[in-house]
Amino acid sequence: MGLAVAVIFPGGLAAQDEAGFQVGDRAPAVTVNDLNGNPVDLGTWVGKKPIFLEFWATWCERCAALLPKVKAAVAQFGDRVEFVGINVTVNENPRRVRKYVEEHEPPFRVLYDTEGVGVRAFHVPTTSYIVIVDAAGVIRYIGVGADQNLMTALAEIVGT
C-alpha cells in the first residue's frame, strides 16, 4: 500500500519548482467554463490586463484561510486586476460550488474546470495555488497556501 504525501509550501515563489512554471514565463491563454457551462477565454485578459488566478475548491481549508486576503486584494486592486477563481472540480459538483459561492461570496469570477484544462495548462500542484500575471502576459508571482503576501505581489505588478 502506497503512502500519499502532500507538500505544503508556505507561500511565495517556492511553489514554482513543483508547478512546472517559473516566474518570468509567458502565461497560457486557455478557455475554462463557468458554472453554467459557458466558455470563458482567459486570453481576454492574459497579455492585456493583470490577472489574478486562484485554483481552489470548496473543501480546501487553505483556500478558506486565504479568502480574507483575496477579498482585501480585490478591494484595493479590483479596478486594475481581473480576479478569477478556477474551481478544480475534484470531489465537487456545480450545485455544491454554487452554494459555497452564495454563502462565502468569493470576490472573483468563478470558473468550473470540468475538463481540467486550466489545471493542466498551469501545471497546478494543489489547491490554494495562486498565479499572478502582469499586463504583458508574463507570470510574475506563484504561491501556495494561506500565508501569501498578495498585497505586496499585486502592488509590485500594478505599480502602486
Protein backbone atom coordinates (compact mmCIF):
# COMPACT_ATOMS: atom_id res chain seq x y z
CA MET A 1 0.00 0.00 0.00
CA GLY A 2 1.43 3.37 -1.03
CA LEU A 3 1.55 6.49 1.06
CA ALA A 4 0.50 9.80 -0.47
CA VAL A 5 2.37 12.83 0.77
CA ALA A 6 1.28 16.41 0.17
CA VAL A 7 3.95 19.07 0.25
CA ILE A 8 2.67 22.40 1.52
CA PHE A 9 4.60 25.48 0.52
CA PRO A 10 4.45 28.38 2.97
CA GLY A 11 3.78 30.84 0.16
CA GLY A 12 5.67 32.92 -2.29
CA LEU A 13 7.81 31.61 -5.05
CA ALA A 14 8.78 28.28 -3.50
CA ALA A 15 5.85 26.65 -5.27
CA GLN A 16 7.15 27.40 -8.74
CA ASP A 17 9.51 24.42 -8.85
CA GLU A 18 6.63 21.99 -8.25
CA ALA A 19 4.34 23.72 -10.71
CA GLY A 20 6.45 23.48 -13.84
CA PHE A 21 6.24 27.21 -14.48
CA GLN A 22 8.73 29.81 -13.44
CA VAL A 23 8.22 33.46 -12.69
CA GLY A 24 9.05 35.15 -15.98
CA ASP A 25 7.35 32.51 -18.18
CA ARG A 26 4.54 33.52 -20.50
CA ALA A 27 1.11 32.57 -19.14
CA PRO A 28 -1.01 30.23 -21.26
CA ALA A 29 -4.29 31.60 -22.58
CA VAL A 30 -6.87 28.85 -22.15
CA THR A 31 -10.64 28.61 -22.11
CA VAL A 32 -12.35 27.29 -18.98
CA ASN A 33 -16.10 27.02 -18.46
CA ASP A 34 -18.07 28.95 -15.87
CA LEU A 35 -20.62 27.30 -13.57
CA ASN A 36 -23.25 27.44 -16.31
CA GLY A 37 -21.02 25.68 -18.84
CA ASN A 38 -20.27 28.86 -20.78
CA PRO A 39 -16.68 29.14 -22.04
CA VAL A 40 -14.53 31.92 -20.59
CA ASP A 41 -11.39 32.70 -22.56
CA LEU A 42 -8.57 33.73 -20.21
CA GLY A 43 -6.93 35.20 -23.31
CA THR A 44 -9.39 38.06 -22.87
CA TRP A 45 -7.07 39.34 -20.13
CA VAL A 46 -3.75 37.48 -20.47
CA GLY A 47 -1.43 39.92 -22.18
CA LYS A 48 -3.85 42.83 -21.81
CA LYS A 49 -4.59 43.30 -18.11
CA PRO A 50 -3.05 41.86 -14.94
CA ILE A 51 -4.86 38.70 -13.90
CA PHE A 52 -5.00 37.01 -10.52
CA LEU A 53 -5.80 33.29 -10.69
CA GLU A 54 -6.62 31.12 -7.72
CA PHE A 55 -7.11 27.39 -8.18
CA TRP A 56 -9.46 26.44 -5.36
CA ALA A 57 -12.07 24.02 -4.03
CA THR A 58 -14.94 24.35 -1.56
CA TRP A 59 -13.34 21.79 0.76
CA CYS A 60 -9.88 23.46 0.72
CA GLU A 61 -9.04 24.77 4.20
CA ARG A 62 -6.09 26.81 2.92
CA CYS A 63 -8.37 28.42 0.33
CA ALA A 64 -10.84 29.38 3.07
CA ALA A 65 -8.00 30.83 5.16
CA LEU A 66 -6.75 32.78 2.13
CA LEU A 67 -10.21 34.19 1.30
CA PRO A 68 -9.97 37.31 3.54
CA LYS A 69 -6.65 38.22 1.88
CA VAL A 70 -8.18 37.78 -1.57
CA LYS A 71 -11.14 39.97 -0.57
CA ALA A 72 -8.75 42.67 0.67
CA ALA A 73 -6.76 42.44 -2.57
CA VAL A 74 -9.91 42.85 -4.64
CA ALA A 75 -10.92 45.87 -2.54
CA GLN A 76 -7.58 47.52 -3.28
CA PHE A 77 -6.79 46.31 -6.81
CA GLY A 78 -10.10 45.12 -8.28
CA ASP A 79 -10.37 48.04 -10.67
CA ARG A 80 -6.94 47.27 -12.19
CA VAL A 81 -6.66 43.47 -11.96
CA GLU A 82 -9.00 40.75 -13.19
CA PHE A 83 -9.63 38.26 -10.36
CA VAL A 84 -10.53 34.72 -11.41
CA GLY A 85 -11.09 31.67 -9.21
CA ILE A 86 -10.84 28.36 -11.03
CA ASN A 87 -12.55 25.57 -9.13
CA VAL A 88 -10.53 22.39 -9.68
CA THR A 89 -13.72 20.23 -9.56
CA VAL A 90 -12.13 17.44 -7.50
CA ASN A 91 -14.90 15.99 -5.29
CA GLU A 92 -17.12 18.88 -6.39
CA ASN A 93 -20.30 19.44 -8.36
CA PRO A 94 -21.80 22.67 -9.66
CA ARG A 95 -24.57 22.68 -7.03
CA ARG A 96 -22.06 22.47 -4.20
CA VAL A 97 -19.90 25.22 -5.71
CA ARG A 98 -22.93 27.50 -6.24
CA LYS A 99 -23.95 27.00 -2.60
CA TYR A 100 -20.41 27.83 -1.46
CA VAL A 101 -20.34 30.95 -3.63
CA GLU A 102 -23.68 32.11 -2.19
CA GLU A 103 -22.53 31.56 1.40
CA HIS A 104 -18.94 32.83 1.20
CA GLU A 105 -19.09 35.34 -1.67
CA PRO A 106 -15.60 34.85 -3.09
CA PRO A 107 -14.68 38.11 -4.81
CA PHE A 108 -13.64 36.63 -8.13
CA ARG A 109 -15.16 35.39 -11.37
CA VAL A 110 -15.87 31.72 -10.63
CA LEU A 111 -14.89 29.16 -13.25
CA TYR A 112 -15.53 25.42 -13.02
CA ASP A 113 -12.73 23.42 -14.65
CA THR A 114 -14.68 20.25 -15.52
CA GLU A 115 -12.20 19.23 -18.22
CA GLY A 116 -9.08 20.11 -16.21
CA VAL A 117 -7.96 22.49 -18.95
CA GLY A 118 -6.82 25.25 -16.57
CA VAL A 119 -5.25 22.82 -14.11
CA ARG A 120 -3.19 21.17 -16.86
CA ALA A 121 -2.27 24.42 -18.60
CA PHE A 122 -0.94 25.98 -15.39
CA HIS A 123 0.52 22.69 -14.02
CA VAL A 124 -1.43 23.18 -10.79
CA PRO A 125 0.11 21.09 -7.99
CA THR A 126 -2.53 21.74 -5.30
CA THR A 127 -5.41 23.96 -4.27
CA SER A 128 -4.83 27.48 -2.92
CA TYR A 129 -2.42 27.83 -5.83
CA ILE A 130 -2.10 31.46 -6.92
CA VAL A 131 -0.70 32.71 -10.23
CA ILE A 132 -0.48 36.44 -10.90
CA VAL A 133 0.16 37.51 -14.46
CA ASP A 134 1.15 41.04 -15.44
CA ALA A 135 -0.41 43.12 -18.23
CA ALA A 136 2.17 41.81 -20.69
CA GLY A 137 1.08 38.19 -20.05
CA VAL A 138 4.16 37.25 -18.01
CA ILE A 139 3.84 35.22 -14.81
CA ARG A 140 5.10 37.48 -12.04
CA TYR A 141 4.06 35.55 -8.92
CA ILE A 142 3.37 31.93 -7.98
CA GLY A 143 2.41 30.84 -4.49
CA VAL A 144 0.51 28.29 -2.42
CA GLY A 145 -1.23 28.42 0.92
CA ALA A 146 -2.83 30.88 3.29
CA ASP A 147 0.35 32.78 4.23
CA GLN A 148 0.88 34.52 0.90
CA ASN A 149 1.51 38.26 0.80
CA LEU A 150 -0.85 39.06 -2.05
CA MET A 151 -0.92 42.81 -1.43
CA THR A 152 2.83 43.18 -1.92
CA ALA A 153 2.82 40.98 -5.03
CA LEU A 154 -0.07 42.88 -6.61
CA ALA A 155 1.36 46.29 -5.69
CA GLU A 156 4.59 45.40 -7.47
CA ILE A 157 2.71 44.23 -10.56
CA VAL A 158 0.31 47.15 -10.89
CA GLY A 159 2.90 49.72 -9.85
CA THR A 160 1.39 51.14 -6.69
